[in-house]
């Protein structure tokens, strides 16, 4: 009798469609709500993606999973509410979208629930775990319709004790890369450990999930610069690491982001449905995707009624060669520009790396990019590269051309220059930086922007900063630091940004999760931090709660 290894994970959901992803321990037929799919195989692992169409809008569809006719989900004695596919309501009705990033998978007991300053292994209370604890007691009408996971769903370079033990048994504790994943097989362990916690598994089964990767899904500072990439490619283990990362990302994250119509256009998914064993083709695809950005697009979009979510890949599609550094290549930028235009109530731009940092950090990264490009000569460029990698200076501010393009695009859309009325709001949703804040944006006089434009950052779900790191973030937000780094940037020949912005709320440094509440042209943001109960979260069934730190109407 086949069994579930992972899942079910509810992925794309619209008013009438849904997809549900599973991993099984052998080949079989997966059935959900009378729809079926045969599994396909990659390196001895078996996956299925069930496509459901013709569902009723705005309706909860409770579901079970059978494999070759045998019931495997929900599990016997399950204490969680019945998992259901909740199709989206009609345009204009209320929709709730949660988002966050950066979640390590370590146990939910001490010392892992302690602050880092008390124990270096401490990661405090998982915000996703706390969310599921609250959902169990809530009316399902208050649950998020969707969850956007904004990067670092797994940490390939910060593995848990269980994964470290698996690596030691498989290839020895001292083999390279030490205490990090090396290939596809070890990536499957990362996902298994991250998604099998009963609370998180239930959350994934009953809330629609969209995902995009960031650096730790592959390696810290992934694609920071051309120099970084050349250095990594000289390491003996890197090729297997990056190929395994891309193969597993396509399987565990990417295909679930796609609508049924886009899945039918995906050549690799078509091969999976036809050939059933695609280890070779998927590996070849991963090699090409690593060496060439052309022909591979990880960005995607989905609509929640009249709200468009456009998720921008800010890692894998970077152009790093020569002087033309860009977050994405020309082909992908054209796709992004086209899909950002339309008649929407709200435009949400999901990008793991914040578009708008605190001004002090923005000017520092812009200065560093100019210095690394030779503004102060070859010696300074070499020193600047060391600074770039040492301080992780690789956000949108360090890709000046792409930063300005995004500013121009939001200005055009906010001014209604593409033939459609401006949306009520344009909000960049980001993670990565392990703190949360909200920034509002101002355009030059006469720009004609009528949309409210914001940067909302929520990170981490579970991987907080220590006291020294928090102090550095606070310092970067001080006006004096911004004035200093601004002067440095101008001395390196950097032009001022085409927009102004200020951090109006934050920062907060806890494990946290954010929720957007959309109803018509109204939009509200809430950020909540995870807190332990009186038992400090040490008991397996102990209380974990969410505490609001920000509520603000954005439109």
Protein backbone atom coordinates (compact mmCIF):
# COMPACT_ATOMS: atom_id res chain seq x y z
CA UNK A 1 0.00 0.00 0.00
CA UNK A 2 1.59 3.34 -1.02
CA UNK A 3 2.01 6.00 1.64
CA UNK A 4 2.40 9.76 1.76
CA UNK A 5 5.92 10.99 2.41
CA UNK A 6 5.00 14.68 2.30
CA UNK A 7 1.81 16.64 1.78
CA UNK A 8 -0.86 17.11 0.85
CA UNK A 9 0.17 20.71 0.15
CA UNK A 10 -2.47 23.05 -1.23
CA UNK A 11 -0.85 25.27 -3.83
CA UNK A 12 -2.51 27.36 -6.56
CA UNK A 13 -6.14 28.28 -5.84
CA UNK A 14 -8.45 30.54 -7.85
CA UNK A 15 -12.23 30.97 -7.87
CA UNK A 16 -12.73 27.65 -9.67
CA UNK A 17 -9.32 25.89 -9.76
CA UNK A 18 -6.80 24.38 -7.39
CA UNK A 19 -3.69 22.21 -7.39
CA UNK A 20 -2.61 19.85 -4.60
CA UNK A 21 0.97 18.52 -4.37
CA UNK A 22 2.11 15.27 -2.75
CA UNK A 23 5.23 13.15 -2.38
CA UNK A 24 4.69 9.39 -2.06
CA UNK A 25 6.89 6.39 -1.33
CA UNK A 26 6.20 4.70 -4.65
CA UNK A 27 4.41 5.03 -7.99
CA UNK A 28 0.64 5.30 -7.65
CA UNK A 29 -2.50 7.15 -8.64
CA UNK A 30 -3.42 10.09 -6.41
CA UNK A 31 -7.11 10.97 -6.07
CA UNK A 32 -8.61 14.14 -4.52
CA UNK A 33 -12.28 15.14 -4.96
CA UNK A 34 -12.70 12.61 -7.80
CA UNK A 35 -9.77 14.09 -9.73
CA UNK A 36 -6.73 11.92 -10.26
CA UNK A 37 -3.07 12.17 -11.24
CA UNK A 38 -0.36 9.57 -11.72
CA UNK A 39 2.88 10.19 -9.85
CA UNK A 40 6.17 10.77 -11.63
CA UNK A 41 9.67 9.84 -10.47
CA UNK A 42 12.88 11.79 -9.87
CA UNK A 43 15.93 9.94 -8.49
CA UNK A 44 13.80 7.36 -6.70
CA UNK A 45 11.35 9.89 -5.26
CA UNK A 46 7.72 10.04 -6.41
CA UNK A 47 5.60 13.18 -6.81
CA UNK A 48 2.07 13.99 -7.83
CA UNK A 49 0.27 17.24 -8.61
CA UNK A 50 -3.50 16.90 -8.79
CA UNK A 51 -5.25 19.58 -10.87
CA UNK A 52 -8.81 20.38 -9.83
CA UNK A 53 -11.05 22.46 -12.08
CA UNK A 54 -14.74 23.34 -12.12
CA UNK A 55 -14.94 24.06 -8.39
CA UNK A 56 -17.57 26.41 -6.96
CA UNK A 57 -16.32 29.95 -6.16
CA UNK A 58 -16.16 31.15 -2.58
CA UNK A 59 -16.71 27.66 -1.20
CA UNK A 60 -14.90 25.37 1.23
CA UNK A 61 -14.35 21.95 -0.35
CA UNK A 62 -13.26 19.45 2.37
CA UNK A 63 -11.04 16.80 0.85
CA UNK A 64 -9.29 13.52 1.50
CA UNK A 65 -6.36 11.90 -0.31
CA UNK A 66 -6.31 8.34 -1.60
CA UNK A 67 -3.37 6.51 -3.19
CA UNK A 68 -4.43 3.65 -5.48
CA UNK A 69 -7.81 3.83 -3.77
CA UNK A 70 -6.49 3.60 -0.19
CA UNK A 71 -7.26 6.48 2.18
CA UNK A 72 -4.05 8.12 3.47
CA UNK A 73 -5.16 11.62 4.53
CA UNK A 74 -6.43 12.92 6.92
CA UNK A 75 -4.62 10.66 9.36
CA UNK A 76 -6.62 8.60 11.88
CA UNK A 77 -7.29 10.53 15.08
CA UNK A 78 -6.26 13.84 13.50
CA UNK A 79 -6.75 16.66 16.04
CA UNK A 80 -6.77 19.42 13.42
CA UNK A 81 -9.83 20.84 11.66
CA UNK A 82 -10.70 19.14 8.39
CA UNK A 83 -8.46 20.36 5.57
CA UNK A 84 -10.38 22.01 2.78
CA UNK A 85 -9.78 23.80 -0.49
CA UNK A 86 -11.28 27.27 -0.07
CA UNK A 87 -11.82 28.74 -3.49
CA UNK A 88 -11.51 32.50 -3.77
CA UNK A 89 -14.61 34.66 -3.45
CA UNK A 90 -15.85 36.98 -6.17
CA UNK A 91 -13.88 40.16 -6.92
CA UNK A 92 -14.43 42.84 -4.32
CA UNK A 93 -15.10 40.46 -1.45
CA UNK A 94 -12.71 40.13 1.47
CA UNK A 95 -9.46 38.19 0.95
CA UNK A 96 -6.66 37.70 3.50
CA UNK A 97 -3.08 37.04 2.35
CA UNK A 98 -0.38 36.20 4.93
CA UNK A 99 3.32 36.52 4.16
CA UNK A 100 6.73 36.01 5.75
CA UNK A 101 10.19 34.57 5.09
CA UNK A 102 13.24 32.90 6.59
CA UNK A 103 12.20 29.80 8.52
CA UNK A 104 14.73 27.34 9.92
CA UNK A 105 13.57 23.87 10.93
CA UNK A 106 14.68 23.03 14.44
CA UNK A 107 12.74 21.42 17.31
CA UNK A 108 10.04 23.24 19.28
CA UNK A 109 11.66 22.83 22.69
CA UNK A 110 14.60 24.26 24.61
CA UNK A 111 17.29 25.18 23.82
CA UNK A 112 15.86 25.84 20.33
CA UNK A 113 12.98 27.98 21.68
CA UNK A 114 15.38 30.26 23.58
CA UNK A 115 16.68 33.61 22.27
CA UNK A 116 20.04 33.48 20.48
CA UNK A 117 21.54 35.64 23.21
CA UNK A 118 20.80 32.90 25.75
CA UNK A 119 21.86 29.98 23.57
CA UNK A 120 23.43 30.08 20.08
CA UNK A 121 21.07 27.28 19.03
CA UNK A 122 18.04 29.33 20.03
CA UNK A 123 15.53 30.35 17.34
CA UNK A 124 12.57 31.22 19.60
CA UNK A 125 8.93 30.49 18.65
CA UNK A 126 8.05 29.64 15.04
CA UNK A 127 5.53 32.24 13.79
CA UNK A 128 4.04 29.72 11.34
CA UNK A 129 3.56 27.30 14.24
CA UNK A 130 1.90 30.02 16.32
CA UNK A 131 -0.41 30.84 13.42
CA UNK A 132 -1.65 27.25 13.21
CA UNK A 133 -2.24 27.17 16.96
CA UNK A 134 -4.54 30.18 16.63
CA UNK A 135 -6.28 28.90 13.50
CA UNK A 136 -7.35 25.73 15.30
CA UNK A 137 -9.50 27.86 17.63
CA UNK A 138 -10.74 30.31 14.98
CA UNK A 139 -13.73 30.46 12.69
CA UNK A 140 -12.34 29.41 9.26
CA UNK A 141 -13.72 32.67 7.88
CA UNK A 142 -10.82 34.39 9.71
CA UNK A 143 -8.12 32.13 8.26
CA UNK A 144 -5.81 33.44 5.53
CA UNK A 145 -6.92 32.49 2.04
CA UNK A 146 -3.28 32.32 0.97
CA UNK A 147 0.24 32.27 2.38
CA UNK A 148 3.18 33.81 0.49
CA UNK A 149 6.50 32.27 1.56
CA UNK A 150 9.07 34.91 0.59
CA UNK A 151 12.28 32.93 0.52
CA UNK A 152 14.50 30.72 2.66
CA UNK A 153 11.87 28.01 3.01
CA UNK A 154 14.82 25.69 3.72
CA UNK A 155 18.36 26.47 4.86
CA UNK A 156 20.86 24.48 2.84
CA UNK A 157 23.72 26.00 4.85
CA UNK A 158 22.17 25.86 8.34
CA UNK A 159 20.82 22.34 8.67
CA UNK A 160 19.04 20.92 11.68
CA UNK A 161 20.52 18.31 14.03
CA UNK A 162 18.49 15.54 12.33
CA UNK A 163 19.64 16.48 8.84
CA UNK A 164 23.23 16.84 10.07
CA UNK A 165 23.03 13.31 11.45
CA UNK A 166 21.67 12.03 8.12
CA UNK A 167 24.56 13.70 6.27
CA UNK A 168 27.10 12.18 8.67
CA UNK A 169 25.64 8.68 8.15
CA UNK A 170 25.48 9.11 4.40
CA UNK A 171 28.89 10.59 3.56
CA UNK A 172 30.75 11.27 6.80
CA UNK A 173 30.73 14.26 9.11
CA UNK A 174 33.96 15.73 7.69
CA UNK A 175 33.10 15.54 3.98
CA UNK A 176 32.62 18.79 2.06
CA UNK A 177 30.53 20.81 2.32
CA UNK A 178 30.59 20.21 6.07
CA UNK A 179 27.23 20.36 7.83
CA UNK A 180 25.56 21.58 4.65
CA UNK A 181 23.55 19.79 1.97
CA UNK A 182 25.52 18.54 -1.02
CA UNK A 183 23.03 17.23 -3.58
CA UNK A 184 19.44 16.48 -4.51
CA UNK A 185 19.01 13.60 -2.06
CA UNK A 186 20.02 15.77 0.87
CA UNK A 187 17.69 18.55 -0.30
CA UNK A 188 14.77 16.12 -0.12
CA UNK A 189 15.64 15.62 3.55
CA UNK A 190 15.53 19.36 4.15
CA UNK A 191 12.02 19.64 2.75
CA UNK A 192 10.88 16.53 4.57
CA UNK A 193 12.02 17.90 7.89
CA UNK A 194 10.66 21.39 7.23
CA UNK A 195 7.20 20.26 6.16
CA UNK A 196 6.43 17.24 8.37
CA UNK A 197 5.82 19.03 11.67
CA UNK A 198 2.11 18.20 12.23
CA UNK A 199 1.07 21.85 12.68
CA UNK A 200 2.94 23.12 9.64
CA UNK A 201 1.83 20.13 7.56
CA UNK A 202 -1.81 20.94 8.35
CA UNK A 203 -1.25 24.63 7.52
CA UNK A 204 0.21 23.65 4.16
CA UNK A 205 -2.74 21.34 3.50
CA UNK A 206 -5.49 23.90 4.07
CA UNK A 207 -4.14 27.32 3.06
CA UNK A 208 -3.11 28.06 -0.53
CA UNK A 209 0.69 28.41 -0.65
CA UNK A 210 2.84 30.45 -3.05
CA UNK A 211 6.64 30.40 -2.76
CA UNK A 212 9.81 31.97 -4.11
CA UNK A 213 13.41 31.18 -3.24
CA UNK A 214 16.14 33.31 -1.72
CA UNK A 215 19.82 32.74 -1.03
CA UNK A 216 19.69 30.21 1.82
CA UNK A 217 17.51 27.90 -0.28
CA UNK A 218 20.80 27.49 -2.17
CA UNK A 219 23.69 29.12 -0.28
CA UNK A 220 24.28 32.28 1.73
CA UNK A 221 24.76 35.28 -0.62
CA UNK A 222 23.81 33.23 -3.68
CA UNK A 223 24.54 35.28 -6.83
CA UNK A 224 25.78 38.31 -4.94
CA UNK A 225 28.25 39.18 -7.69
CA UNK A 226 30.23 37.78 -10.59
CA UNK A 227 33.29 37.39 -8.32
CA UNK A 228 31.23 35.41 -5.77
CA UNK A 229 29.89 33.13 -8.48
CA UNK A 230 33.33 32.42 -9.97
CA UNK A 231 34.69 31.57 -6.52
CA UNK A 232 31.85 29.14 -5.78
CA UNK A 233 32.18 27.41 -9.15
CA UNK A 234 35.81 26.59 -8.31
CA UNK A 235 34.71 24.49 -5.32
CA UNK A 236 34.55 20.77 -6.01
CA UNK A 237 31.10 20.30 -4.48
CA UNK A 238 29.33 23.35 -5.95
CA UNK A 239 28.00 21.86 -9.19
CA UNK A 240 26.13 19.06 -7.42
CA UNK A 241 24.84 21.54 -4.83
CA UNK A 242 23.36 23.98 -7.36
CA UNK A 243 21.91 21.24 -9.56
CA UNK A 244 20.26 19.63 -6.53
CA UNK A 245 18.95 23.02 -5.42
CA UNK A 246 17.31 23.78 -8.76
CA UNK A 247 15.88 20.27 -9.20
CA UNK A 248 14.35 20.29 -5.74
CA UNK A 249 13.08 23.87 -6.07
CA UNK A 250 11.26 22.98 -9.29
CA UNK A 251 9.67 19.97 -7.60
CA UNK A 252 8.86 21.25 -4.13
CA UNK A 253 8.18 24.93 -4.77
CA UNK A 254 7.96 26.10 -8.39
CA UNK A 255 5.36 23.88 -10.07
CA UNK A 256 2.89 24.58 -7.29
CA UNK A 257 3.08 28.31 -8.05
CA UNK A 258 1.66 27.80 -11.54
CA UNK A 259 -1.98 27.88 -12.61
CA UNK A 260 -3.37 24.86 -14.48
CA UNK A 261 -3.10 26.75 -17.79
CA UNK A 262 0.54 27.65 -17.12
CA UNK A 263 1.31 24.08 -16.05
CA UNK A 264 0.10 22.88 -19.44
CA UNK A 265 2.58 25.25 -21.08
CA UNK A 266 5.51 24.05 -18.95
CA UNK A 267 7.66 21.65 -20.99
CA UNK A 268 9.22 19.95 -17.97
CA UNK A 269 5.83 19.33 -16.34
CA UNK A 270 4.52 17.96 -19.63
CA UNK A 271 7.50 15.56 -19.71
CA UNK A 272 6.70 14.48 -16.14
CA UNK A 273 3.12 13.68 -17.11
CA UNK A 274 4.13 11.76 -20.24
CA UNK A 275 7.37 10.00 -19.33
CA UNK A 276 6.84 9.45 -15.57
CA UNK A 277 10.62 9.21 -14.93
CA UNK A 278 12.36 12.55 -15.52
CA UNK A 279 15.60 12.42 -13.53
CA UNK A 280 17.76 12.96 -16.61
CA UNK A 281 15.66 15.70 -18.23
CA UNK A 282 15.22 17.57 -14.93
CA UNK A 283 18.93 17.38 -14.20
CA UNK A 284 19.75 18.71 -17.68
CA UNK A 285 17.22 21.51 -17.16
CA UNK A 286 18.88 22.41 -13.83
CA UNK A 287 22.33 22.58 -15.42
CA UNK A 288 21.03 24.92 -18.13
CA UNK A 289 19.15 27.08 -15.62
CA UNK A 290 22.33 27.51 -13.56
CA UNK A 291 24.48 28.56 -16.52
CA UNK A 292 21.95 30.57 -18.54
CA UNK A 293 19.16 32.92 -17.44
CA UNK A 294 17.62 33.02 -20.93
CA UNK A 295 14.71 30.61 -21.34
CA UNK A 296 14.11 30.15 -17.61
CA UNK A 297 11.63 32.31 -15.70
CA UNK A 298 10.89 31.79 -12.02
CA UNK A 299 8.76 34.93 -11.59
CA UNK A 300 4.99 34.34 -11.66
CA UNK A 301 1.69 36.03 -10.92
CA UNK A 302 -1.72 35.14 -9.52
CA UNK A 303 -4.88 37.13 -8.91
CA UNK A 304 -7.06 37.42 -5.83
CA UNK A 305 -10.16 38.91 -7.36
CA UNK A 306 -9.14 42.42 -8.46
CA UNK A 307 -5.81 42.23 -6.60
CA UNK A 308 -2.78 41.07 -8.54
CA UNK A 309 0.17 39.41 -6.83
CA UNK A 310 3.27 39.59 -9.04
CA UNK A 311 6.18 37.62 -7.56
CA UNK A 312 9.61 38.69 -8.82
CA UNK A 313 12.54 36.29 -8.73
CA UNK A 314 15.40 38.37 -7.32
CA UNK A 315 18.02 35.57 -7.11
CA UNK A 316 18.25 33.06 -9.94
CA UNK A 317 17.72 35.38 -12.89
CA UNK A 318 20.39 37.97 -12.05
CA UNK A 319 22.69 39.37 -14.72
CA UNK A 320 26.13 39.67 -13.12
CA UNK A 321 28.60 39.85 -16.00
CA UNK A 322 30.32 43.10 -16.92
CA UNK A 323 28.91 46.51 -16.09
CA UNK A 324 25.22 45.71 -16.76
CA UNK A 325 24.27 44.27 -13.36
CA UNK A 326 20.53 43.59 -13.19
CA UNK A 327 18.17 41.71 -10.92
CA UNK A 328 16.59 39.95 -13.92
CA UNK A 329 17.44 39.75 -17.61
CA UNK A 330 15.67 41.75 -20.30
CA UNK A 331 13.24 38.98 -21.26
CA UNK A 332 12.05 38.48 -17.69
CA UNK A 333 11.81 42.23 -17.07
CA UNK A 334 9.54 42.56 -20.11
CA UNK A 335 7.34 39.80 -18.69
CA UNK A 336 7.22 41.56 -15.31
CA UNK A 337 6.36 44.92 -16.90
CA UNK A 338 3.58 43.39 -18.99
CA UNK A 339 2.00 41.57 -16.04
CA UNK A 340 2.20 44.61 -13.75
CA UNK A 341 -0.16 46.49 -16.06
CA UNK A 342 -3.89 46.08 -15.90
CA UNK A 343 -7.03 47.20 -14.14
CA UNK A 344 -6.40 46.20 -10.51
CA UNK A 345 -7.62 47.46 -7.17
CA UNK A 346 -4.18 46.64 -5.70
CA UNK A 347 -0.83 45.58 -7.13
CA UNK A 348 1.32 43.48 -4.78
CA UNK A 349 4.97 43.03 -5.79
CA UNK A 350 6.46 40.04 -4.00
CA UNK A 351 10.26 40.23 -3.95
CA UNK A 352 12.29 38.42 -1.32
CA UNK A 353 14.85 41.25 -1.10
CA UNK A 354 13.39 44.59 -0.01
CA UNK A 355 13.12 47.09 -2.83
CA UNK A 356 13.41 49.90 -0.27
CA UNK A 357 15.87 49.50 2.58
CA UNK A 358 16.42 52.04 5.34
CA UNK A 359 18.01 55.04 3.51
CA UNK A 360 21.33 54.57 5.33
CA UNK A 361 21.62 51.01 4.00
CA UNK A 362 20.38 51.97 0.54
CA UNK A 363 23.10 54.58 0.03
CA UNK A 364 25.76 52.21 1.40
CA UNK A 365 24.81 49.50 -1.11
CA UNK A 366 24.62 52.00 -3.99
CA UNK A 367 28.08 53.34 -3.03
CA UNK A 368 29.48 49.83 -2.87
CA UNK A 369 28.16 48.90 -6.31
CA UNK A 370 29.82 51.97 -7.82
CA UNK A 371 33.12 51.29 -6.06
CA UNK A 372 33.08 47.62 -7.13
CA UNK A 373 32.51 48.81 -10.70
CA UNK A 374 35.71 50.88 -10.53
CA UNK A 375 34.55 54.35 -9.48
CA UNK A 376 37.55 54.67 -7.13
CA UNK A 377 40.02 52.51 -9.05
CA UNK A 378 41.02 48.81 -9.18
CA UNK A 379 42.36 48.55 -5.62
CA UNK A 380 39.20 50.07 -4.16
CA UNK A 381 37.13 47.76 -6.36
CA UNK A 382 38.83 44.70 -4.89
CA UNK A 383 38.31 46.02 -1.36
CA UNK A 384 34.71 46.88 -2.22
CA UNK A 385 34.06 43.29 -3.29
CA UNK A 386 35.26 42.05 0.10
CA UNK A 387 32.96 44.58 1.79
CA UNK A 388 30.06 43.54 -0.44
CA UNK A 389 30.36 39.88 0.46
CA UNK A 390 31.17 40.53 4.12
CA UNK A 391 28.15 42.80 4.72
CA UNK A 392 25.69 41.15 2.29
CA UNK A 393 25.33 44.30 0.17
CA UNK A 394 23.25 42.75 -2.60
CA UNK A 395 19.70 44.08 -2.43
CA UNK A 396 17.88 46.17 -5.06
CA UNK A 397 19.96 49.17 -4.01
CA UNK A 398 23.07 47.30 -5.19
CA UNK A 399 21.48 46.83 -8.64
CA UNK A 400 20.96 50.49 -9.45
CA UNK A 401 19.58 49.98 -12.95
CA UNK A 402 16.92 47.53 -11.73
CA UNK A 403 16.07 49.74 -8.73
CA UNK A 404 15.39 52.70 -11.04
CA UNK A 405 13.39 50.55 -13.46
CA UNK A 406 11.12 49.36 -10.67
CA UNK A 407 10.69 52.94 -9.44
CA UNK A 408 9.78 54.01 -12.98
CA UNK A 409 7.34 51.14 -13.42
CA UNK A 410 5.52 51.90 -10.16
CA UNK A 411 5.37 55.58 -11.11
CA UNK A 412 3.80 54.81 -14.48
CA UNK A 413 1.26 52.41 -13.01
CA UNK A 414 0.46 54.72 -10.10
CA UNK A 415 -0.14 57.57 -12.52
CA UNK A 416 -2.36 55.50 -14.81
CA UNK A 417 -0.10 55.88 -17.83
CA UNK A 418 -0.86 52.44 -19.28
CA UNK A 419 -4.51 53.00 -20.11
CA UNK A 420 -5.93 51.65 -16.85
CA UNK A 421 -6.99 53.57 -13.73
CA UNK A 422 -4.27 53.61 -11.04
CA UNK A 423 -4.67 50.91 -8.39
CA UNK A 424 -5.58 52.07 -4.91
CA UNK A 425 -2.22 50.77 -3.69
CA UNK A 426 1.08 49.38 -4.91
CA UNK A 427 2.82 47.41 -2.16
CA UNK A 428 6.21 45.71 -2.33
CA UNK A 429 6.16 42.64 -0.06
CA UNK A 430 9.58 41.45 1.09
CA UNK A 431 11.54 39.45 3.66
CA UNK A 432 15.23 38.44 3.90
CA UNK A 433 16.51 41.08 6.36
CA UNK A 434 15.34 39.40 9.60
CA UNK A 435 13.34 42.37 10.81
CA UNK A 436 10.02 43.96 9.90
CA UNK A 437 9.13 47.51 8.95
CA UNK A 438 6.83 49.61 6.78
CA UNK A 439 8.01 52.43 4.49
CA UNK A 440 5.94 54.87 2.47
CA UNK A 441 7.03 56.27 -0.87
CA UNK A 442 6.89 59.78 -2.35
CA UNK A 443 7.39 60.67 -6.02
CA UNK A 444 8.63 63.97 -7.45
CA UNK A 445 6.16 66.82 -7.74
CA UNK A 446 4.23 66.51 -10.98
CA UNK A 447 4.71 62.74 -11.29
CA UNK A 448 0.94 62.29 -11.18
CA UNK A 449 1.02 59.22 -8.92
CA UNK A 450 -2.39 58.67 -7.33
CA UNK A 451 -1.79 55.20 -5.84
CA UNK A 452 -0.57 54.74 -2.28
CA UNK A 453 2.88 53.13 -2.63
CA UNK A 454 4.50 51.17 0.22
CA UNK A 455 7.29 48.76 1.10
CA UNK A 456 6.16 46.16 3.66
CA UNK A 457 8.85 43.84 5.05
CA UNK A 458 8.18 40.87 7.33
CA UNK A 459 11.03 38.57 8.36
CA UNK A 460 11.79 36.13 9.92
CA UNK A 461 9.22 33.42 10.50
CA UNK A 462 11.86 31.68 12.60
CA UNK A 463 15.45 32.89 12.62
CA UNK A 464 15.80 36.09 14.69
CA UNK A 465 18.85 38.33 14.96
CA UNK A 466 21.01 38.51 18.06
CA UNK A 467 21.50 41.71 20.09
CA UNK A 468 24.55 42.91 18.13
CA UNK A 469 22.81 42.43 14.79
CA UNK A 470 19.72 44.27 16.01
CA UNK A 471 21.87 47.18 17.14
CA UNK A 472 23.45 47.39 13.66
CA UNK A 473 20.03 47.54 12.00
CA UNK A 474 18.87 50.31 14.34
CA UNK A 475 22.05 52.27 13.65
CA UNK A 476 21.50 52.05 9.89
CA UNK A 477 18.10 53.72 10.36
CA UNK A 478 19.51 56.82 12.08
CA UNK A 479 19.46 60.06 10.06
CA UNK A 480 23.16 60.69 10.73
CA UNK A 481 24.14 57.33 9.22
CA UNK A 482 21.95 58.04 6.19
CA UNK A 483 23.66 61.41 5.70
CA UNK A 484 27.10 59.79 5.89
CA UNK A 485 26.38 56.97 3.45
CA UNK A 486 24.59 59.39 1.12
CA UNK A 487 27.75 61.52 1.01
CA UNK A 488 29.81 58.39 0.24
CA UNK A 489 27.48 57.44 -2.60
CA UNK A 490 27.61 60.89 -4.15
CA UNK A 491 31.41 60.91 -3.86
CA UNK A 492 31.43 57.70 -5.91
CA UNK A 493 29.31 59.31 -8.60
CA UNK A 494 25.98 57.72 -7.67
CA UNK A 495 22.95 59.75 -8.68
CA UNK A 496 20.18 60.26 -6.13
CA UNK A 497 17.27 57.80 -6.32
CA UNK A 498 14.28 58.95 -8.42
CA UNK A 499 11.96 58.57 -5.41
CA UNK A 500 11.98 59.37 -1.70
CA UNK A 501 10.82 57.10 1.11
CA UNK A 502 10.92 56.85 4.87
CA UNK A 503 10.51 54.03 7.36
CA UNK A 504 7.31 55.06 9.10
CA UNK A 505 6.84 51.98 11.33
CA UNK A 506 9.34 49.58 12.84
CA UNK A 507 11.76 47.93 13.02
CA UNK A 508 10.63 44.82 14.91
CA UNK A 509 12.98 41.90 15.43
CA UNK A 510 10.85 38.98 16.63
CA UNK A 511 9.78 35.92 14.71
CA UNK A 512 6.75 37.38 12.95
CA UNK A 513 4.11 37.07 10.27
CA UNK A 514 2.19 39.70 8.33
CA UNK A 515 -1.32 39.66 6.89
CA UNK A 516 -2.91 41.83 4.21
CA UNK A 517 -6.68 42.21 4.54
CA UNK A 518 -8.13 43.18 1.15
CA UNK A 519 -11.72 44.25 0.57
CA UNK A 520 -12.46 46.17 -2.62
CA UNK A 521 -10.11 49.14 -2.80
CA UNK A 522 -9.46 48.96 0.94
CA UNK A 523 -6.21 47.38 2.17
CA UNK A 524 -5.05 46.86 5.74
CA UNK A 525 -1.72 45.48 7.00
CA UNK A 526 -1.18 43.69 10.29
CA UNK A 527 2.17 42.44 11.58
CA UNK A 528 2.19 40.00 14.51
CA UNK A 529 5.06 38.58 16.50
CA UNK A 530 5.24 35.09 17.97
CA UNK A 531 5.36 34.91 21.75
CA UNK A 532 5.60 31.95 24.14
CA UNK A 533 2.91 31.25 26.69
CA UNK A 534 3.51 30.94 30.42
CA UNK A 535 5.28 27.62 29.82
CA UNK A 536 7.82 29.48 27.60
CA UNK A 537 6.89 27.09 24.80
CA UNK A 538 8.76 24.13 26.29
CA UNK A 539 5.81 21.73 26.49
CA UNK A 540 4.91 19.88 23.29
CA UNK A 541 1.33 21.17 23.53
CA UNK A 542 2.23 24.45 25.15
CA UNK A 543 0.73 27.78 24.20
CA UNK A 544 2.25 29.84 21.42
CA UNK A 545 0.50 33.07 20.58
CA UNK A 546 0.64 35.94 18.14
CA UNK A 547 0.79 39.52 19.40
CA UNK A 548 0.02 42.47 17.13
CA UNK A 549 2.79 45.05 16.72
CA UNK A 550 1.30 47.01 13.78
CA UNK A 551 -2.12 47.63 12.30
CA UNK A 552 -2.27 50.20 9.52
CA UNK A 553 -4.63 50.98 6.67
CA UNK A 554 -2.62 51.23 3.43
CA UNK A 555 -5.49 52.20 1.13
